[in-house]
């Protein structure tokens, strides 16, 4: 799985970090960021829920081909 965060769309609500803290965090400015080494979602079952929880749809998921 590939995770992409649209930094221009992110408003820093933090729902992703609350939902899947093993994959997402917030940077020093409060915007969404991926934890190092977790760019592929790390098989975390909550990644899809975290993407759905984003109030502005800044997170997109795509399957690796």
C-alpha atoms as a PDB file:
ATOM      1  CA  UNK A   1       0.000   0.000   0.000  1.00  0.00           C
ATOM      2  CA  UNK A   2       1.163   3.515  -0.761  1.00  0.00           C
ATOM      3  CA  UNK A   3       0.056   6.428   1.436  1.00  0.00           C
ATOM      4  CA  UNK A   4       0.078   9.990   0.185  1.00  0.00           C
ATOM      5  CA  UNK A   5      -0.707  13.099   2.222  1.00  0.00           C
ATOM      6  CA  UNK A   6      -1.686  16.257   0.351  1.00  0.00           C
ATOM      7  CA  UNK A   7       0.203  18.844   2.409  1.00  0.00           C
ATOM      8  CA  UNK A   8      -1.681  21.692   0.704  1.00  0.00           C
ATOM      9  CA  UNK A   9      -5.043  20.231   1.728  1.00  0.00           C
ATOM     10  CA  UNK A  10      -4.130  19.086   5.278  1.00  0.00           C
ATOM     11  CA  UNK A  11      -5.542  21.355   7.994  1.00  0.00           C
ATOM     12  CA  UNK A  12      -3.895  19.605  10.944  1.00  0.00           C
ATOM     13  CA  UNK A  13      -7.061  18.133  12.448  1.00  0.00           C
ATOM     14  CA  UNK A  14      -5.014  15.166  13.694  1.00  0.00           C
ATOM     15  CA  UNK A  15      -7.684  12.529  13.122  1.00  0.00           C
ATOM     16  CA  UNK A  16      -5.206  10.322  11.264  1.00  0.00           C
ATOM     17  CA  UNK A  17      -2.710  10.385  14.138  1.00  0.00           C
ATOM     18  CA  UNK A  18      -5.474   9.652  16.638  1.00  0.00           C
ATOM     19  CA  UNK A  19      -6.848   6.776  14.566  1.00  0.00           C
ATOM     20  CA  UNK A  20      -3.583   5.112  13.455  1.00  0.00           C
ATOM     21  CA  UNK A  21      -0.795   6.396  15.726  1.00  0.00           C
ATOM     22  CA  UNK A  22       1.517   3.625  14.571  1.00  0.00           C
ATOM     23  CA  UNK A  23       1.627   5.137  11.074  1.00  0.00           C
ATOM     24  CA  UNK A  24       0.708   8.835  11.286  1.00  0.00           C
ATOM     25  CA  UNK A  25       2.012  11.677  13.410  1.00  0.00           C
ATOM     26  CA  UNK A  26       1.909  15.448  13.262  1.00  0.00           C
ATOM     27  CA  UNK A  27       4.914  17.554  12.334  1.00  0.00           C
ATOM     28  CA  UNK A  28       6.155  20.579  14.277  1.00  0.00           C
ATOM     29  CA  UNK A  29       3.543  22.752  12.576  1.00  0.00           C
ATOM     30  CA  UNK A  30       0.722  20.343  13.472  1.00  0.00           C
ATOM     31  CA  UNK A  31       0.216  18.891  10.001  1.00  0.00           C
ATOM     32  CA  UNK A  32      -0.064  15.218   9.160  1.00  0.00           C
ATOM     33  CA  UNK A  33       3.075  13.258   8.484  1.00  0.00           C
ATOM     34  CA  UNK A  34       4.077   9.618   8.207  1.00  0.00           C
ATOM     35  CA  UNK A  35       6.292   8.036  10.810  1.00  0.00           C
ATOM     36  CA  UNK A  36       9.698   7.012   9.413  1.00  0.00           C
ATOM     37  CA  UNK A  37       9.565   3.498   8.006  1.00  0.00           C
ATOM     38  CA  UNK A  38       5.760   3.480   7.910  1.00  0.00           C
ATOM     39  CA  UNK A  39       5.324   4.841   4.387  1.00  0.00           C
ATOM     40  CA  UNK A  40       3.713   1.560   3.296  1.00  0.00           C
ATOM     41  CA  UNK A  41       1.203   1.519   6.150  1.00  0.00           C
ATOM     42  CA  UNK A  42       3.104  -1.195   8.019  1.00  0.00           C
ATOM     43  CA  UNK A  43       0.103  -3.530   7.623  1.00  0.00           C
ATOM     44  CA  UNK A  44      -1.732  -1.428  10.209  1.00  0.00           C
ATOM     45  CA  UNK A  45      -5.445  -2.321   9.968  1.00  0.00           C
ATOM     46  CA  UNK A  46      -6.435   1.234  10.952  1.00  0.00           C
ATOM     47  CA  UNK A  47      -4.774   3.022   8.007  1.00  0.00           C
ATOM     48  CA  UNK A  48      -7.913   2.918   5.859  1.00  0.00           C
ATOM     49  CA  UNK A  49     -10.028   4.187   8.748  1.00  0.00           C
ATOM     50  CA  UNK A  50      -7.518   6.998   9.330  1.00  0.00           C
ATOM     51  CA  UNK A  51      -7.811   8.063   5.685  1.00  0.00           C
ATOM     52  CA  UNK A  52     -11.614   8.061   5.962  1.00  0.00           C
ATOM     53  CA  UNK A  53     -11.426  10.068   9.196  1.00  0.00           C
ATOM     54  CA  UNK A  54      -9.587  12.967   7.533  1.00  0.00           C
ATOM     55  CA  UNK A  55     -12.150  15.787   7.386  1.00  0.00           C
ATOM     56  CA  UNK A  56     -10.650  17.286   4.211  1.00  0.00           C
ATOM     57  CA  UNK A  57      -9.662  14.086   2.384  1.00  0.00           C
ATOM     58  CA  UNK A  58      -5.943  14.876   2.432  1.00  0.00           C
ATOM     59  CA  UNK A  59      -4.919  11.197   2.647  1.00  0.00           C
ATOM     60  CA  UNK A  60      -5.064   8.910  -0.352  1.00  0.00           C
ATOM     61  CA  UNK A  61      -4.246   5.228  -0.373  1.00  0.00           C
ATOM     62  CA  UNK A  62      -3.283   3.146  -3.353  1.00  0.00           C
ATOM     63  CA  UNK A  63      -2.384  -0.494  -3.660  1.00  0.00           C
ATOM     64  CA  UNK A  64       1.145  -1.380  -4.723  1.00  0.00           C
ATOM     65  CA  UNK A  65       1.256  -2.931  -8.140  1.00  0.00           C
END
